[in-house]
C-alpha atoms as a PDB file:
ATOM      1  CA  MET A   1       0.000   0.000   0.000  1.00  0.00           C
ATOM      2  CA  ASN A   2       2.926   2.378   0.625  1.00  0.00           C
ATOM      3  CA  PHE A   3       3.917   2.095  -3.018  1.00  0.00           C
ATOM      4  CA  LEU A   4       0.423   3.044  -4.202  1.00  0.00           C
ATOM      5  CA  ALA A   5       0.296   5.968  -1.761  1.00  0.00           C
ATOM      6  CA  VAL A   6       3.624   7.312  -3.044  1.00  0.00           C
ATOM      7  CA  ILE A   7       2.608   6.966  -6.696  1.00  0.00           C
ATOM      8  CA  ALA A   8      -0.751   8.625  -6.009  1.00  0.00           C
ATOM      9  CA  ALA A   9       0.915  11.541  -4.187  1.00  0.00           C
ATOM     10  CA  LEU A  10       3.526  12.106  -6.915  1.00  0.00           C
ATOM     11  CA  ALA A  11       0.939  11.888  -9.692  1.00  0.00           C
ATOM     12  CA  PHE A  12      -1.506  14.266  -7.990  1.00  0.00           C
ATOM     13  CA  GLU A  13       1.183  16.856  -7.262  1.00  0.00           C
ATOM     14  CA  GLN A  14       2.506  16.789 -10.823  1.00  0.00           C
ATOM     15  CA  LEU A  15      -0.965  17.048 -12.379  1.00  0.00           C
ATOM     16  CA  ARG A  16      -2.641  19.544 -10.066  1.00  0.00           C
ATOM     17  CA  GLY A  17      -0.133  20.997  -7.674  1.00  0.00           C
ATOM     18  CA  VAL A  18      -0.972  21.975  -4.098  1.00  0.00           C
ATOM     19  CA  ARG A  19      -1.682  25.683  -3.880  1.00  0.00           C
ATOM     20  CA  TRP A  20      -2.546  25.533  -0.178  1.00  0.00           C
ATOM     21  CA  ARG A  21       0.772  23.924   0.846  1.00  0.00           C
ATOM     22  CA  ALA A  22       2.331  27.358   1.298  1.00  0.00           C
ATOM     23  CA  THR A  23      -0.542  28.360   3.585  1.00  0.00           C
ATOM     24  CA  LEU A  24       0.030  25.334   5.820  1.00  0.00           C
ATOM     25  CA  VAL A  25       3.798  25.936   5.911  1.00  0.00           C
ATOM     26  CA  HIS A  26       3.235  29.601   6.759  1.00  0.00           C
ATOM     27  CA  GLY A  27       0.865  28.602   9.560  1.00  0.00           C
ATOM     28  CA  PHE A  28       3.426  26.217  11.055  1.00  0.00           C
ATOM     29  CA  ARG A  29       6.144  28.879  10.833  1.00  0.00           C
ATOM     30  CA  ARG A  30       3.903  31.326  12.696  1.00  0.00           C
ATOM     31  CA  TYR A  31       3.322  28.695  15.381  1.00  0.00           C
ATOM     32  CA  ALA A  32       7.090  28.132  15.628  1.00  0.00           C
ATOM     33  CA  ARG A  33       7.713  31.875  15.979  1.00  0.00           C
ATOM     34  CA  ALA A  34       5.090  32.071  18.717  1.00  0.00           C
ATOM     35  CA  LEU A  35       6.762  29.224  20.636  1.00  0.00           C
ATOM     36  CA  GLU A  36      10.151  30.851  20.227  1.00  0.00           C
ATOM     37  CA  ARG A  37       8.901  34.228  21.514  1.00  0.00           C
ATOM     38  CA  ARG A  38       7.287  32.650  24.571  1.00  0.00           C
ATOM     39  CA  LEU A  39       9.924  30.068  25.511  1.00  0.00           C
ATOM     40  CA  ASN A  40      13.288  31.267  24.225  1.00  0.00           C
ATOM     41  CA  ALA A  41      15.484  32.449  27.074  1.00  0.00           C
ATOM     42  CA  GLY A  42      18.619  31.036  25.492  1.00  0.00           C
ATOM     43  CA  THR A  43      18.808  27.521  26.957  1.00  0.00           C
ATOM     44  CA  THR A  44      18.785  24.155  25.227  1.00  0.00           C
ATOM     45  CA  GLN A  45      16.244  22.811  27.738  1.00  0.00           C
ATOM     46  CA  GLN A  46      13.715  25.409  26.638  1.00  0.00           C
ATOM     47  CA  GLY A  47      14.517  24.552  23.025  1.00  0.00           C
ATOM     48  CA  ALA A  48      13.847  20.880  23.710  1.00  0.00           C
ATOM     49  CA  ILE A  49      10.459  21.694  25.277  1.00  0.00           C
ATOM     50  CA  ALA A  50       9.527  23.959  22.355  1.00  0.00           C
ATOM     51  CA  THR A  51      10.621  21.282  19.873  1.00  0.00           C
ATOM     52  CA  ALA A  52       8.364  18.726  21.555  1.00  0.00           C
ATOM     53  CA  LEU A  53       5.431  21.156  21.600  1.00  0.00           C
ATOM     54  CA  ALA A  54       5.923  21.912  17.902  1.00  0.00           C
ATOM     55  CA  LEU A  55       6.402  18.355  16.644  1.00  0.00           C
ATOM     56  CA  VAL A  56       4.580  15.901  18.887  1.00  0.00           C
ATOM     57  CA  PRO A  57       0.941  17.067  18.455  1.00  0.00           C
ATOM     58  CA  PRO A  58       0.801  17.060  14.618  1.00  0.00           C
ATOM     59  CA  VAL A  59       2.793  13.817  14.358  1.00  0.00           C
ATOM     60  CA  LEU A  60       0.512  12.087  16.880  1.00  0.00           C
ATOM     61  CA  VAL A  61      -2.581  13.322  15.059  1.00  0.00           C
ATOM     62  CA  ALA A  62      -1.279  12.130  11.659  1.00  0.00           C
ATOM     63  CA  GLY A  63      -0.293   8.741  13.047  1.00  0.00           C
ATOM     64  CA  GLY A  64      -3.444   8.345  15.118  1.00  0.00           C
ATOM     65  CA  VAL A  65      -5.762   9.167  12.216  1.00  0.00           C
ATOM     66  CA  TYR A  66      -3.868   6.675  10.043  1.00  0.00           C
ATOM     67  CA  LEU A  67      -4.183   3.867  12.612  1.00  0.00           C
ATOM     68  CA  LEU A  68      -7.881   4.633  13.001  1.00  0.00           C
ATOM     69  CA  LEU A  69      -8.554   4.655   9.255  1.00  0.00           C
ATOM     70  CA  ILE A  70      -6.488   1.560   8.546  1.00  0.00           C
ATOM     71  CA  LYS A  71      -8.768  -0.376  10.915  1.00  0.00           C
ATOM     72  CA  LEU A  72     -11.764   0.633   8.810  1.00  0.00           C
ATOM     73  CA  THR A  73     -10.219  -0.240   5.468  1.00  0.00           C
ATOM     74  CA  VAL A  74      -6.730  -0.319   3.988  1.00  0.00           C
ATOM     75  CA  LEU A  75      -7.809   1.865   1.061  1.00  0.00           C
ATOM     76  CA  VAL A  76      -8.915   4.757   3.274  1.00  0.00           C
ATOM     77  CA  GLY A  77      -5.681   4.531   5.243  1.00  0.00           C
ATOM     78  CA  MET A  78      -3.730   4.641   1.987  1.00  0.00           C
ATOM     79  CA  LEU A  79      -5.643   7.737   0.844  1.00  0.00           C
ATOM     80  CA  TRP A  80      -4.853   9.489   4.132  1.00  0.00           C
ATOM     81  CA  SER A  81      -1.161   8.643   3.705  1.00  0.00           C
ATOM     82  CA  ALA A  82      -1.236   9.920   0.130  1.00  0.00           C
ATOM     83  CA  LEU A  83      -2.884  13.174   1.262  1.00  0.00           C
ATOM     84  CA  VAL A  84      -0.207  13.829   3.890  1.00  0.00           C
ATOM     85  CA  LEU A  85       2.508  12.995   1.343  1.00  0.00           C
ATOM     86  CA  VAL A  86       1.023  15.436  -1.159  1.00  0.00           C
ATOM     87  CA  VAL A  87       1.382  18.174   1.446  1.00  0.00           C
ATOM     88  CA  MET A  88       4.857  17.111   2.571  1.00  0.00           C
ATOM     89  CA  MET A  89       6.537  16.291  -0.768  1.00  0.00           C
ATOM     90  CA  GLY A  90       7.304  19.209  -3.076  1.00  0.00           C
ATOM     91  CA  PHE A  91       8.723  17.895  -6.347  1.00  0.00           C
ATOM     92  CA  ARG A  92       6.664  20.319  -8.403  1.00  0.00           C
ATOM     93  CA  SER A  93       7.921  23.392  -6.556  1.00  0.00           C
ATOM     94  CA  PHE A  94      11.518  22.284  -7.103  1.00  0.00           C
ATOM     95  CA  SER A  95      11.132  21.367 -10.763  1.00  0.00           C
ATOM     96  CA  HIS A  96       9.159  24.478 -11.719  1.00  0.00           C
ATOM     97  CA  ALA A  97      11.570  26.897 -10.047  1.00  0.00           C
ATOM     98  CA  PHE A  98      14.506  25.077 -11.615  1.00  0.00           C
ATOM     99  CA  ALA A  99      12.947  25.111 -15.089  1.00  0.00           C
ATOM    100  CA  ALA A 100      12.059  28.822 -14.858  1.00  0.00           C
ATOM    101  CA  ILE A 101      15.676  29.744 -14.087  1.00  0.00           C
ATOM    102  CA  GLY A 102      16.979  27.545 -16.894  1.00  0.00           C
ATOM    103  CA  ASP A 103      14.537  29.026 -19.418  1.00  0.00           C
ATOM    104  CA  ALA A 104      15.512  32.569 -18.439  1.00  0.00           C
ATOM    105  CA  LEU A 105      19.219  31.775 -18.838  1.00  0.00           C
ATOM    106  CA  LYS A 106      18.700  30.178 -22.237  1.00  0.00           C
ATOM    107  CA  ALA A 107      16.773  33.281 -23.313  1.00  0.00           C
ATOM    108  CA  GLY A 108      19.713  35.436 -22.200  1.00  0.00           C
ATOM    109  CA  ASP A 109      17.674  37.179 -19.490  1.00  0.00           C
ATOM    110  CA  VAL A 110      20.156  37.095 -16.611  1.00  0.00           C
ATOM    111  CA  VAL A 111      18.145  39.620 -14.553  1.00  0.00           C
ATOM    112  CA  ALA A 112      15.001  37.435 -14.622  1.00  0.00           C
ATOM    113  CA  ALA A 113      17.047  34.328 -13.825  1.00  0.00           C
ATOM    114  CA  ARG A 114      18.671  36.068 -10.845  1.00  0.00           C
ATOM    115  CA  ARG A 115      15.302  37.341  -9.625  1.00  0.00           C
ATOM    116  CA  ARG A 116      13.817  33.839  -9.722  1.00  0.00           C
ATOM    117  CA  LEU A 117      16.893  32.419  -8.006  1.00  0.00           C
ATOM    118  CA  VAL A 118      16.695  34.972  -5.177  1.00  0.00           C
ATOM    119  CA  ALA A 119      12.982  34.219  -4.697  1.00  0.00           C
ATOM    120  CA  TRP A 120      13.844  30.527  -4.440  1.00  0.00           C
ATOM    121  CA  ARG A 121      17.220  30.441  -2.704  1.00  0.00           C
ATOM    122  CA  GLY A 122      17.387  33.700  -0.756  1.00  0.00           C
ATOM    123  CA  SER A 123      19.218  37.001  -0.710  1.00  0.00           C
ATOM    124  CA  ASP A 124      22.703  35.479  -0.837  1.00  0.00           C
ATOM    125  CA  ALA A 125      22.215  35.074  -4.606  1.00  0.00           C
ATOM    126  CA  GLY A 126      21.316  38.738  -5.127  1.00  0.00           C
ATOM    127  CA  GLY A 127      24.672  39.579  -6.731  1.00  0.00           C
ATOM    128  CA  ALA A 128      25.247  36.313  -8.593  1.00  0.00           C
ATOM    129  CA  LEU A 129      26.822  36.677 -12.029  1.00  0.00           C
ATOM    130  CA  ALA A 130      25.530  34.868 -15.104  1.00  0.00           C
ATOM    131  CA  GLY A 131      28.115  32.097 -14.728  1.00  0.00           C
ATOM    132  CA  GLU A 132      27.295  31.578 -11.048  1.00  0.00           C
ATOM    133  CA  ILE A 133      23.514  31.276 -11.401  1.00  0.00           C
ATOM    134  CA  PRO A 134      23.472  27.704 -12.837  1.00  0.00           C
ATOM    135  CA  LYS A 135      25.713  26.448 -10.012  1.00  0.00           C
ATOM    136  CA  LEU A 136      23.589  28.073  -7.330  1.00  0.00           C
ATOM    137  CA  ALA A 137      20.394  26.754  -8.921  1.00  0.00           C
ATOM    138  CA  ILE A 138      21.769  23.199  -9.058  1.00  0.00           C
ATOM    139  CA  GLU A 139      22.942  23.422  -5.446  1.00  0.00           C
ATOM    140  CA  GLN A 140      19.533  24.619  -4.286  1.00  0.00           C
ATOM    141  CA  GLY A 141      17.776  22.082  -6.497  1.00  0.00           C
ATOM    142  CA  VAL A 142      19.758  19.149  -5.103  1.00  0.00           C
ATOM    143  CA  LEU A 143      19.129  20.209  -1.495  1.00  0.00           C
ATOM    144  CA  ASP A 144      15.428  20.894  -2.111  1.00  0.00           C
ATOM    145  CA  ALA A 145      14.996  17.575  -3.904  1.00  0.00           C
ATOM    146  CA  TYR A 146      16.591  15.804  -0.965  1.00  0.00           C
ATOM    147  CA  ARG A 147      14.496  17.549   1.693  1.00  0.00           C
ATOM    148  CA  ASN A 148      11.190  17.490  -0.183  1.00  0.00           C
ATOM    149  CA  ILE A 149      11.449  14.088  -1.830  1.00  0.00           C
ATOM    150  CA  PHE A 150      14.104  11.600  -0.782  1.00  0.00           C
ATOM    151  CA  ALA A 151      14.334  12.204   2.976  1.00  0.00           C
ATOM    152  CA  THR A 152      10.563  12.620   3.279  1.00  0.00           C
ATOM    153  CA  LEU A 153      10.012   9.434   1.292  1.00  0.00           C
ATOM    154  CA  PHE A 154      12.570   7.532   3.395  1.00  0.00           C
ATOM    155  CA  TRP A 155      10.862   8.398   6.688  1.00  0.00           C
ATOM    156  CA  PHE A 156       7.442   7.717   5.203  1.00  0.00           C
ATOM    157  CA  LEU A 157       8.586   4.176   4.449  1.00  0.00           C
ATOM    158  CA  VAL A 158      10.359   3.639   7.779  1.00  0.00           C
ATOM    159  CA  ALA A 159       7.689   4.926  10.171  1.00  0.00           C
ATOM    160  CA  PRO A 160       4.095   3.649  10.300  1.00  0.00           C
ATOM    161  CA  GLY A 161       1.824   5.598   7.994  1.00  0.00           C
ATOM    162  CA  PRO A 162       2.515   9.272   7.258  1.00  0.00           C
ATOM    163  CA  ALA A 163       3.832  10.116  10.757  1.00  0.00           C
ATOM    164  CA  GLY A 164       7.479   9.698   9.736  1.00  0.00           C
ATOM    165  CA  ALA A 165       7.162  11.940   6.682  1.00  0.00           C
ATOM    166  CA  LEU A 166       5.435  14.625   8.748  1.00  0.00           C
ATOM    167  CA  LEU A 167       8.038  14.373  11.521  1.00  0.00           C
ATOM    168  CA  TYR A 168      10.880  14.862   9.070  1.00  0.00           C
ATOM    169  CA  ARG A 169       9.418  17.793   7.137  1.00  0.00           C
ATOM    170  CA  LEU A 170       8.321  19.660  10.263  1.00  0.00           C
ATOM    171  CA  THR A 171      11.737  19.068  11.862  1.00  0.00           C
ATOM    172  CA  SER A 172      13.513  20.493   8.808  1.00  0.00           C
ATOM    173  CA  LEU A 173      11.219  23.549   8.795  1.00  0.00           C
ATOM    174  CA  LEU A 174      11.726  24.060  12.511  1.00  0.00           C
ATOM    175  CA  ALA A 175      15.521  23.736  12.282  1.00  0.00           C
ATOM    176  CA  GLU A 176      15.558  26.346   9.529  1.00  0.00           C
ATOM    177  CA  GLN A 177      13.295  28.659  11.551  1.00  0.00           C
ATOM    178  CA  TRP A 178      15.408  28.407  14.717  1.00  0.00           C
ATOM    179  CA  ARG A 179      18.847  28.533  13.086  1.00  0.00           C
ATOM    180  CA  GLY A 180      20.884  31.319  14.703  1.00  0.00           C
ATOM    181  CA  GLU A 181      24.275  32.804  13.895  1.00  0.00           C
ATOM    182  CA  ALA A 182      26.692  32.968  16.819  1.00  0.00           C
ATOM    183  CA  THR A 183      28.141  36.276  15.550  1.00  0.00           C
ATOM    184  CA  THR A 184      25.562  38.305  17.525  1.00  0.00           C
ATOM    185  CA  PRO A 185      24.152  37.876  21.060  1.00  0.00           C
ATOM    186  CA  MET A 186      20.610  37.383  19.718  1.00  0.00           C
ATOM    187  CA  GLY A 187      21.870  34.908  17.129  1.00  0.00           C
ATOM    188  CA  ALA A 188      23.813  32.961  19.762  1.00  0.00           C
ATOM    189  CA  GLN A 189      20.711  32.809  21.967  1.00  0.00           C
ATOM    190  CA  LEU A 190      18.620  31.493  19.090  1.00  0.00           C
ATOM    191  CA  ALA A 191      21.345  28.964  18.204  1.00  0.00           C
ATOM    192  CA  ARG A 192      21.276  27.552  21.738  1.00  0.00           C
ATOM    193  CA  PHE A 193      17.493  27.436  21.680  1.00  0.00           C
ATOM    194  CA  GLY A 194      17.472  25.684  18.304  1.00  0.00           C
ATOM    195  CA  HIS A 195      20.227  23.201  19.163  1.00  0.00           C
ATOM    196  CA  PRO A 196      17.875  20.306  20.126  1.00  0.00           C
ATOM    197  CA  VAL A 197      15.926  20.430  16.869  1.00  0.00           C
ATOM    198  CA  ALA A 198      19.179  20.819  14.900  1.00  0.00           C
ATOM    199  CA  ARG A 199      20.527  17.643  16.528  1.00  0.00           C
ATOM    200  CA  LEU A 200      17.263  15.828  15.831  1.00  0.00           C
ATOM    201  CA  LEU A 201      17.484  16.829  12.182  1.00  0.00           C
ATOM    202  CA  TYR A 202      21.101  15.641  12.050  1.00  0.00           C
ATOM    203  CA  TRP A 203      20.119  12.147  13.167  1.00  0.00           C
ATOM    204  CA  LEU A 204      17.059  12.064  10.922  1.00  0.00           C
ATOM    205  CA  ASP A 205      19.310  13.018   7.996  1.00  0.00           C
ATOM    206  CA  TRP A 206      22.149  10.586   8.644  1.00  0.00           C
ATOM    207  CA  ILE A 207      20.859   7.570   6.711  1.00  0.00           C
ATOM    208  CA  PRO A 208      18.764   9.192   3.933  1.00  0.00           C
ATOM    209  CA  VAL A 209      21.570  11.636   3.028  1.00  0.00           C
ATOM    210  CA  ARG A 210      23.901   8.743   2.299  1.00  0.00           C
ATOM    211  CA  LEU A 211      21.252   6.701   0.503  1.00  0.00           C
ATOM    212  CA  THR A 212      20.429   9.698  -1.714  1.00  0.00           C
ATOM    213  CA  ALA A 213      24.104  10.341  -2.445  1.00  0.00           C
ATOM    214  CA  MET A 214      24.543   6.687  -3.374  1.00  0.00           C
ATOM    215  CA  SER A 215      21.487   6.929  -5.645  1.00  0.00           C
ATOM    216  CA  PHE A 216      23.075   9.892  -7.458  1.00  0.00           C
ATOM    217  CA  ALA A 217      26.232   7.832  -7.931  1.00  0.00           C
ATOM    218  CA  VAL A 218      24.328   4.826  -9.277  1.00  0.00           C
ATOM    219  CA  VAL A 219      22.392   6.817 -11.898  1.00  0.00           C
ATOM    220  CA  GLY A 220      25.280   9.158 -12.790  1.00  0.00           C
ATOM    221  CA  ASP A 221      29.064   8.910 -13.066  1.00  0.00           C
ATOM    222  CA  PHE A 222      29.652   6.436 -10.241  1.00  0.00           C
ATOM    223  CA  GLU A 223      33.424   6.762  -9.972  1.00  0.00           C
ATOM    224  CA  ASP A 224      33.510  10.570  -9.899  1.00  0.00           C
ATOM    225  CA  ALA A 225      30.510  10.758  -7.540  1.00  0.00           C
ATOM    226  CA  VAL A 226      32.121   8.445  -4.968  1.00  0.00           C
ATOM    227  CA  TYR A 227      35.509  10.166  -5.331  1.00  0.00           C
ATOM    228  CA  CYS A 228      34.036  13.641  -4.775  1.00  0.00           C
ATOM    229  CA  TRP A 229      31.951  12.358  -1.875  1.00  0.00           C
ATOM    230  CA  ARG A 230      34.984  10.880  -0.135  1.00  0.00           C
ATOM    231  CA  THR A 231      37.432  13.719  -0.734  1.00  0.00           C
ATOM    232  CA  GLN A 232      35.351  16.904  -0.840  1.00  0.00           C
ATOM    233  CA  ALA A 233      32.225  16.528   1.313  1.00  0.00           C
ATOM    234  CA  ARG A 234      33.922  17.492   4.581  1.00  0.00           C
ATOM    235  CA  THR A 235      35.202  20.772   3.145  1.00  0.00           C
ATOM    236  CA  TRP A 236      31.626  22.109   2.914  1.00  0.00           C
ATOM    237  CA  PRO A 237      30.333  23.994   6.017  1.00  0.00           C
ATOM    238  CA  SER A 238      27.584  21.391   6.512  1.00  0.00           C
ATOM    239  CA  HIS A 239      28.954  17.873   6.108  1.00  0.00           C
ATOM    240  CA  GLU A 240      25.539  16.415   5.276  1.00  0.00           C
ATOM    241  CA  GLU A 241      24.915  19.003   2.557  1.00  0.00           C
ATOM    242  CA  GLY A 242      28.486  18.479   1.373  1.00  0.00           C
ATOM    243  CA  ILE A 243      27.797  14.763   0.849  1.00  0.00           C
ATOM    244  CA  LEU A 244      24.770  15.530  -1.320  1.00  0.00           C
ATOM    245  CA  LEU A 245      26.379  18.325  -3.345  1.00  0.00           C
ATOM    246  CA  ALA A 246      29.719  16.581  -3.864  1.00  0.00           C
ATOM    247  CA  SER A 247      28.104  13.327  -4.993  1.00  0.00           C
ATOM    248  CA  ALA A 248      25.691  15.197  -7.296  1.00  0.00           C
ATOM    249  CA  ALA A 249      28.518  17.259  -8.797  1.00  0.00           C
ATOM    250  CA  GLY A 250      30.598  14.161  -9.400  1.00  0.00           C
ATOM    251  CA  ALA A 251      27.630  12.269 -10.847  1.00  0.00           C
ATOM    252  CA  LEU A 252      26.884  15.158 -13.222  1.00  0.00           C
ATOM    253  CA  GLY A 253      30.518  15.767 -14.110  1.00  0.00           C
ATOM    254  CA  CYS A 254      30.319  19.466 -13.242  1.00  0.00           C
ATOM    255  CA  ALA A 255      31.700  21.914 -10.685  1.00  0.00           C
ATOM    256  CA  LEU A 256      29.700  23.349  -7.784  1.00  0.00           C
ATOM    257  CA  GLY A 257      30.664  25.678  -4.962  1.00  0.00           C
ATOM    258  CA  GLY A 258      33.530  28.058  -5.619  1.00  0.00           C
ATOM    259  CA  THR A 259      33.448  31.851  -5.507  1.00  0.00           C
ATOM    260  CA  LEU A 260      30.069  33.559  -5.148  1.00  0.00           C
ATOM    261  CA  THR A 261      29.539  37.258  -5.801  1.00  0.00           C
ATOM    262  CA  SER A 262      27.460  38.737  -2.986  1.00  0.00           C
ATOM    263  CA  ALA A 263      24.805  41.427  -3.282  1.00  0.00           C
ATOM    264  CA  THR A 264      27.474  43.985  -2.292  1.00  0.00           C
ATOM    265  CA  ASP A 265      29.767  42.770  -5.113  1.00  0.00           C
ATOM    266  CA  GLU A 266      32.157  41.282  -2.562  1.00  0.00           C
ATOM    267  CA  PRO A 267      33.411  37.775  -3.419  1.00  0.00           C
ATOM    268  CA  GLU A 268      32.480  34.980  -1.040  1.00  0.00           C
ATOM    269  CA  PHE A 269      34.914  32.102  -1.210  1.00  0.00           C
ATOM    270  CA  ARG A 270      33.354  28.655  -0.850  1.00  0.00           C
ATOM    271  CA  PRO A 271      34.879  25.172  -1.179  1.00  0.00           C
ATOM    272  CA  GLU A 272      34.935  23.739  -4.682  1.00  0.00           C
ATOM    273  CA  LEU A 273      33.010  20.519  -5.270  1.00  0.00           C
ATOM    274  CA  GLY A 274      32.862  18.162  -8.221  1.00  0.00           C
ATOM    275  CA  VAL A 275      35.132  18.114 -11.232  1.00  0.00           C
ATOM    276  CA  SER A 276      36.620  20.946 -13.241  1.00  0.00           C
ATOM    277  CA  ASP A 277      34.118  20.926 -16.119  1.00  0.00           C
ATOM    278  CA  PRO A 278      32.223  24.253 -16.291  1.00  0.00           C
ATOM    279  CA  THR A 279      28.632  24.450 -15.079  1.00  0.00           C
ATOM    280  CA  ASP A 280      26.244  26.370 -17.323  1.00  0.00           C
ATOM    281  CA  ALA A 281      22.584  26.476 -18.313  1.00  0.00           C
ATOM    282  CA  ASP A 282      23.031  23.315 -20.398  1.00  0.00           C
ATOM    283  CA  THR A 283      23.959  21.401 -17.228  1.00  0.00           C
ATOM    284  CA  MET A 284      20.647  22.179 -15.524  1.00  0.00           C
ATOM    285  CA  PRO A 285      18.478  19.691 -17.499  1.00  0.00           C
ATOM    286  CA  SER A 286      21.042  17.014 -16.618  1.00  0.00           C
ATOM    287  CA  ALA A 287      20.567  17.838 -12.929  1.00  0.00           C
ATOM    288  CA  THR A 288      16.805  17.459 -13.275  1.00  0.00           C
ATOM    289  CA  GLY A 289      17.342  14.139 -15.037  1.00  0.00           C
ATOM    290  CA  LEU A 290      19.675  12.985 -12.258  1.00  0.00           C
ATOM    291  CA  VAL A 291      16.985  13.606  -9.629  1.00  0.00           C
ATOM    292  CA  TRP A 292      14.306  11.872 -11.721  1.00  0.00           C
ATOM    293  CA  ARG A 293      16.499   8.807 -12.328  1.00  0.00           C
ATOM    294  CA  ALA A 294      17.403   8.565  -8.636  1.00  0.00           C
ATOM    295  CA  LEU A 295      13.721   8.779  -7.711  1.00  0.00           C
ATOM    296  CA  LEU A 296      12.923   6.075 -10.254  1.00  0.00           C
ATOM    297  CA  VAL A 297      15.502   3.799  -8.607  1.00  0.00           C
ATOM    298  CA  TRP A 298      13.797   4.327  -5.248  1.00  0.00           C
ATOM    299  CA  LEU A 299      10.370   3.599  -6.719  1.00  0.00           C
ATOM    300  CA  VAL A 300      11.568   0.416  -8.426  1.00  0.00           C
ATOM    301  CA  LEU A 301      13.129  -0.813  -5.187  1.00  0.00           C
ATOM    302  CA  LEU A 302       9.934   0.021  -3.310  1.00  0.00           C
ATOM    303  CA  LEU A 303       7.877  -1.865  -5.901  1.00  0.00           C
ATOM    304  CA  LEU A 304      10.120  -4.923  -5.596  1.00  0.00           C
ATOM    305  CA  LEU A 305       9.861  -4.852  -1.798  1.00  0.00           C
ATOM    306  CA  THR A 306       6.073  -4.515  -2.058  1.00  0.00           C
ATOM    307  CA  LEU A 307       5.819  -7.466  -4.441  1.00  0.00           C
ATOM    308  CA  ALA A 308       8.095  -9.558  -2.219  1.00  0.00           C
ATOM    309  CA  TYR A 309       5.949  -8.721   0.815  1.00  0.00           C
ATOM    310  CA  TRP A 310       2.691  -9.698  -0.868  1.00  0.00           C
ATOM    311  CA  ALA A 311       4.064 -12.748  -2.661  1.00  0.00           C
ATOM    312  CA  PRO A 312       2.656 -16.046  -1.295  1.00  0.00           C
END
């Protein structure tokens, strides 16, 4: 039934999209901000309590409804799982943003491509030059595909019903919301408060990050992907993100990372990942294909496991 729920969720999102997903995400972010305002006095204990208050109720509701519905009929339970997956998985948002940037670059409209990239990635891309935009888009695309698809799918399959998928996506949103920079007193206070959810996300990421990186290697250039993973991943500020980006760069045969021009025209030096081949707008369709092929591998494996489970 998990296989059918995943296929139904992917098909529905690609055909119709989910316009109200952003509303639900915005509502959860507002709830997280409210918890942070009320409970944040700069201690990890308070962060742990806030994390539990943010995550436990929705996860229990999702899991409880699933267990209730599955007792009525398996089909209704599957539909509930598919509905939660539709909300949690965001392949369409990744693919559409990625395609819009690629189309703008191919049309020679660097300003429009940069504008779309900033709306997707954030203000750090505000000064990106034409040659930097494809790299930044691929980096963001790989990370978004992992968060919205592969990690969510992994925890959906591991935990009973949709509770695992919901736990992972809400944890990733919460960790992003409560990420603080230690360069300022307020940032350091937020970092301490957000430490428990950051550690939870680290452990939730540990297995699916490596499975996703291995999937990129299998469907791309295996030798280069594994080499870049082993030798370059630790140079990236986040080791987990470094694993994903280095393996994707090696699998695609392109270069990621490197110098980034900031919005103030000051160069920001980042570690270089991948191989030395240039990354341009023509590389972007290959990145989309890499994600699709990796997802297909996961679906085939899930189908085989489902058939083996139901075989007499």
